[in-house]
Amino acid sequence: MDKVSDMSAVRVLGAFVGNKIDQMSIWSPICDEIDNDLNCWNRSHSTINGHCLIVNMVIGTHTQYLSQVQGMPQAVTEVLK
């Protein structure tokens, strides 16, 4: 079996596990995907209620599971505000 070194993450059931892994490197692609999706939805002409639903839908679907199994760093929380 291959030995995994410190600071490298292994994905197990959607969570990234390992010693001394960089949480921001795990969350960075997710934040980029959220930003792309919100920019796409921003081109629509939705109402205020529609905007609330879109934000909850996009951010919630991308972050809910990983934040439950991995935890969300404070820096990511600040980016998503």
N, C-alpha and C. Protein backbone atom coordinates (compact mmCIF):
# COMPACT_ATOMS: atom_id res chain seq x y z
N MET A 1 0.84 -1.18 0.00
CA MET A 1 0.00 0.00 0.00
C MET A 1 0.88 1.24 0.00
N ASP A 2 0.52 2.23 -0.81
CA ASP A 2 1.29 3.46 -0.88
C ASP A 2 1.15 4.26 0.40
N LYS A 3 2.23 4.86 0.81
CA LYS A 3 2.23 5.70 2.00
C LYS A 3 1.92 7.13 1.60
N VAL A 4 0.98 7.75 2.27
CA VAL A 4 0.58 9.13 1.98
C VAL A 4 1.35 10.04 2.93
N SER A 5 2.01 11.04 2.37
CA SER A 5 2.81 11.94 3.20
C SER A 5 1.94 13.00 3.86
N ASP A 6 2.51 13.66 4.87
CA ASP A 6 1.81 14.75 5.52
C ASP A 6 1.53 15.85 4.50
N MET A 7 0.51 16.61 4.77
CA MET A 7 0.08 17.75 3.96
C MET A 7 -0.52 17.34 2.62
N SER A 8 -0.84 16.07 2.44
CA SER A 8 -1.56 15.65 1.24
C SER A 8 -2.88 15.03 1.69
N ALA A 9 -3.93 15.43 1.03
CA ALA A 9 -5.27 15.00 1.42
C ALA A 9 -5.71 13.80 0.60
N VAL A 10 -6.45 12.92 1.24
CA VAL A 10 -7.05 11.78 0.58
C VAL A 10 -8.56 11.93 0.73
N ARG A 11 -9.27 11.76 -0.37
CA ARG A 11 -10.73 11.93 -0.32
C ARG A 11 -11.38 10.61 0.05
N VAL A 12 -12.14 10.64 1.14
CA VAL A 12 -12.85 9.46 1.61
C VAL A 12 -14.30 9.86 1.87
N LEU A 13 -15.23 9.29 1.10
CA LEU A 13 -16.66 9.58 1.22
C LEU A 13 -16.96 11.07 1.17
N GLY A 14 -16.24 11.78 0.32
CA GLY A 14 -16.48 13.20 0.13
C GLY A 14 -15.71 14.10 1.07
N ALA A 15 -15.12 13.56 2.12
CA ALA A 15 -14.32 14.35 3.05
C ALA A 15 -12.84 14.18 2.72
N PHE A 16 -12.07 15.18 2.97
CA PHE A 16 -10.63 15.12 2.74
C PHE A 16 -9.94 14.91 4.07
N VAL A 17 -9.21 13.82 4.19
CA VAL A 17 -8.54 13.50 5.44
C VAL A 17 -7.04 13.43 5.20
N GLY A 18 -6.29 13.71 6.24
CA GLY A 18 -4.84 13.65 6.18
C GLY A 18 -4.26 14.50 7.28
N ASN A 19 -2.97 14.42 7.43
CA ASN A 19 -2.27 15.18 8.45
C ASN A 19 -1.81 16.52 7.89
N LYS A 20 -2.12 17.57 8.61
CA LYS A 20 -1.65 18.93 8.28
C LYS A 20 -2.08 19.36 6.88
N ILE A 21 -3.30 19.07 6.49
CA ILE A 21 -3.78 19.47 5.17
C ILE A 21 -4.23 20.93 5.21
N ASP A 22 -4.11 21.59 4.08
CA ASP A 22 -4.50 22.98 3.96
C ASP A 22 -5.99 23.05 3.64
N GLN A 23 -6.78 23.53 4.59
CA GLN A 23 -8.23 23.59 4.40
C GLN A 23 -8.61 24.54 3.26
N MET A 24 -7.87 25.61 3.08
CA MET A 24 -8.22 26.55 2.01
C MET A 24 -8.03 25.93 0.63
N SER A 25 -7.07 25.04 0.48
CA SER A 25 -6.90 24.40 -0.82
C SER A 25 -8.06 23.46 -1.13
N ILE A 26 -8.71 22.95 -0.10
CA ILE A 26 -9.88 22.10 -0.30
C ILE A 26 -11.09 22.95 -0.66
N TRP A 27 -11.25 24.08 0.00
CA TRP A 27 -12.43 24.91 -0.19
C TRP A 27 -12.31 25.88 -1.37
N SER A 28 -11.10 26.13 -1.85
CA SER A 28 -10.91 27.10 -2.92
C SER A 28 -11.67 26.74 -4.21
N PRO A 29 -11.61 25.50 -4.70
CA PRO A 29 -12.40 25.19 -5.91
C PRO A 29 -13.90 25.32 -5.70
N ILE A 30 -14.36 25.04 -4.50
CA ILE A 30 -15.79 25.16 -4.21
C ILE A 30 -16.21 26.62 -4.21
N CYS A 31 -15.38 27.48 -3.62
CA CYS A 31 -15.68 28.92 -3.65
C CYS A 31 -15.67 29.46 -5.07
N ASP A 32 -14.75 28.98 -5.90
CA ASP A 32 -14.71 29.40 -7.30
C ASP A 32 -15.97 28.95 -8.05
N GLU A 33 -16.41 27.73 -7.79
CA GLU A 33 -17.62 27.22 -8.44
C GLU A 33 -18.86 28.01 -8.00
N ILE A 34 -18.92 28.36 -6.72
CA ILE A 34 -20.04 29.17 -6.23
C ILE A 34 -20.03 30.53 -6.90
N ASP A 35 -18.85 31.13 -7.02
CA ASP A 35 -18.73 32.44 -7.66
C ASP A 35 -19.17 32.38 -9.12
N ASN A 36 -18.77 31.34 -9.83
CA ASN A 36 -19.18 31.18 -11.24
C ASN A 36 -20.69 31.01 -11.35
N ASP A 37 -21.27 30.18 -10.49
CA ASP A 37 -22.72 29.96 -10.53
C ASP A 37 -23.50 31.23 -10.20
N LEU A 38 -23.04 31.98 -9.20
CA LEU A 38 -23.74 33.21 -8.85
C LEU A 38 -23.62 34.26 -9.96
N ASN A 39 -22.47 34.31 -10.62
CA ASN A 39 -22.32 35.23 -11.76
C ASN A 39 -23.26 34.85 -12.89
N CYS A 40 -23.44 33.57 -13.11
CA CYS A 40 -24.38 33.11 -14.14
C CYS A 40 -25.81 33.50 -13.79
N TRP A 41 -26.20 33.27 -12.53
CA TRP A 41 -27.55 33.62 -12.10
C TRP A 41 -27.76 35.13 -12.05
N ASN A 42 -26.69 35.89 -11.90
CA ASN A 42 -26.80 37.34 -11.82
C ASN A 42 -27.29 37.94 -13.13
N ARG A 43 -27.11 37.22 -14.22
CA ARG A 43 -27.58 37.70 -15.53
C ARG A 43 -29.09 37.57 -15.69
N SER A 44 -29.73 36.83 -14.79
CA SER A 44 -31.18 36.69 -14.88
C SER A 44 -31.85 37.91 -14.24
N HIS A 45 -33.08 38.12 -14.57
CA HIS A 45 -33.81 39.27 -14.05
C HIS A 45 -34.82 38.78 -13.01
N SER A 46 -34.30 38.29 -11.90
CA SER A 46 -35.18 37.74 -10.88
C SER A 46 -35.55 38.80 -9.84
N THR A 47 -36.57 38.51 -9.10
CA THR A 47 -37.03 39.41 -8.05
C THR A 47 -36.14 39.28 -6.82
N ILE A 48 -36.39 40.09 -5.81
CA ILE A 48 -35.64 40.01 -4.56
C ILE A 48 -35.84 38.63 -3.93
N ASN A 49 -37.06 38.14 -3.93
CA ASN A 49 -37.31 36.80 -3.40
C ASN A 49 -36.58 35.74 -4.22
N GLY A 50 -36.54 35.93 -5.52
CA GLY A 50 -35.80 35.02 -6.38
C GLY A 50 -34.31 35.02 -6.07
N HIS A 51 -33.76 36.22 -5.82
CA HIS A 51 -32.35 36.32 -5.45
C HIS A 51 -32.06 35.56 -4.16
N CYS A 52 -32.93 35.69 -3.19
CA CYS A 52 -32.75 34.97 -1.92
C CYS A 52 -32.77 33.47 -2.14
N LEU A 53 -33.70 33.00 -2.94
CA LEU A 53 -33.78 31.57 -3.23
C LEU A 53 -32.54 31.08 -3.97
N ILE A 54 -32.08 31.86 -4.94
CA ILE A 54 -30.91 31.47 -5.72
C ILE A 54 -29.67 31.40 -4.84
N VAL A 55 -29.46 32.40 -4.00
CA VAL A 55 -28.28 32.41 -3.13
C VAL A 55 -28.32 31.22 -2.18
N ASN A 56 -29.46 30.99 -1.57
CA ASN A 56 -29.57 29.84 -0.66
C ASN A 56 -29.35 28.53 -1.38
N MET A 57 -29.90 28.42 -2.58
CA MET A 57 -29.78 27.19 -3.35
C MET A 57 -28.32 26.95 -3.77
N VAL A 58 -27.68 27.94 -4.33
CA VAL A 58 -26.32 27.77 -4.85
C VAL A 58 -25.33 27.54 -3.72
N ILE A 59 -25.33 28.40 -2.73
CA ILE A 59 -24.36 28.27 -1.64
C ILE A 59 -24.67 27.04 -0.80
N GLY A 60 -25.92 26.78 -0.55
CA GLY A 60 -26.29 25.62 0.27
C GLY A 60 -25.92 24.30 -0.37
N THR A 61 -26.17 24.17 -1.68
CA THR A 61 -25.90 22.89 -2.32
C THR A 61 -24.41 22.62 -2.44
N HIS A 62 -23.62 23.65 -2.59
CA HIS A 62 -22.18 23.44 -2.75
C HIS A 62 -21.46 23.24 -1.42
N THR A 63 -22.02 23.70 -0.34
CA THR A 63 -21.27 23.69 0.92
C THR A 63 -21.84 22.78 2.00
N GLN A 64 -23.08 22.39 1.91
CA GLN A 64 -23.75 21.73 3.03
C GLN A 64 -23.06 20.43 3.46
N TYR A 65 -22.82 19.53 2.55
CA TYR A 65 -22.25 18.24 2.94
C TYR A 65 -20.81 18.38 3.41
N LEU A 66 -19.99 19.09 2.64
CA LEU A 66 -18.57 19.19 3.00
C LEU A 66 -18.38 19.93 4.32
N SER A 67 -19.19 20.94 4.58
CA SER A 67 -19.05 21.64 5.85
C SER A 67 -19.47 20.75 7.02
N GLN A 68 -20.35 19.80 6.78
CA GLN A 68 -20.76 18.88 7.83
C GLN A 68 -19.67 17.86 8.13
N VAL A 69 -19.06 17.30 7.10
CA VAL A 69 -18.07 16.24 7.32
C VAL A 69 -16.66 16.78 7.50
N GLN A 70 -16.36 17.96 6.94
CA GLN A 70 -15.01 18.49 6.95
C GLN A 70 -14.86 19.65 7.93
N GLY A 71 -15.91 20.42 8.06
CA GLY A 71 -15.81 21.67 8.80
C GLY A 71 -15.46 22.78 7.83
N MET A 72 -15.88 23.98 8.15
CA MET A 72 -15.63 25.11 7.27
C MET A 72 -14.73 26.11 8.00
N PRO A 73 -13.58 26.44 7.43
CA PRO A 73 -12.70 27.42 8.06
C PRO A 73 -13.37 28.79 8.11
N GLN A 74 -12.96 29.59 9.07
CA GLN A 74 -13.54 30.93 9.24
C GLN A 74 -13.30 31.79 8.00
N ALA A 75 -12.16 31.61 7.33
CA ALA A 75 -11.86 32.40 6.14
C ALA A 75 -12.88 32.13 5.03
N VAL A 76 -13.30 30.89 4.89
CA VAL A 76 -14.30 30.55 3.87
C VAL A 76 -15.65 31.15 4.24
N THR A 77 -15.97 31.12 5.51
CA THR A 77 -17.22 31.74 5.98
C THR A 77 -17.23 33.22 5.64
N GLU A 78 -16.11 33.89 5.81
CA GLU A 78 -16.01 35.32 5.50
C GLU A 78 -16.15 35.56 3.98
N VAL A 79 -15.59 34.67 3.17
CA VAL A 79 -15.68 34.82 1.72
C VAL A 79 -17.12 34.66 1.26
N LEU A 80 -17.85 33.75 1.87
CA LEU A 80 -19.22 33.45 1.44
C LEU A 80 -20.25 34.43 1.98
N LYS A 81 -19.87 35.31 2.87
CA LYS A 81 -20.84 36.27 3.41
C LYS A 81 -21.32 37.25 2.39
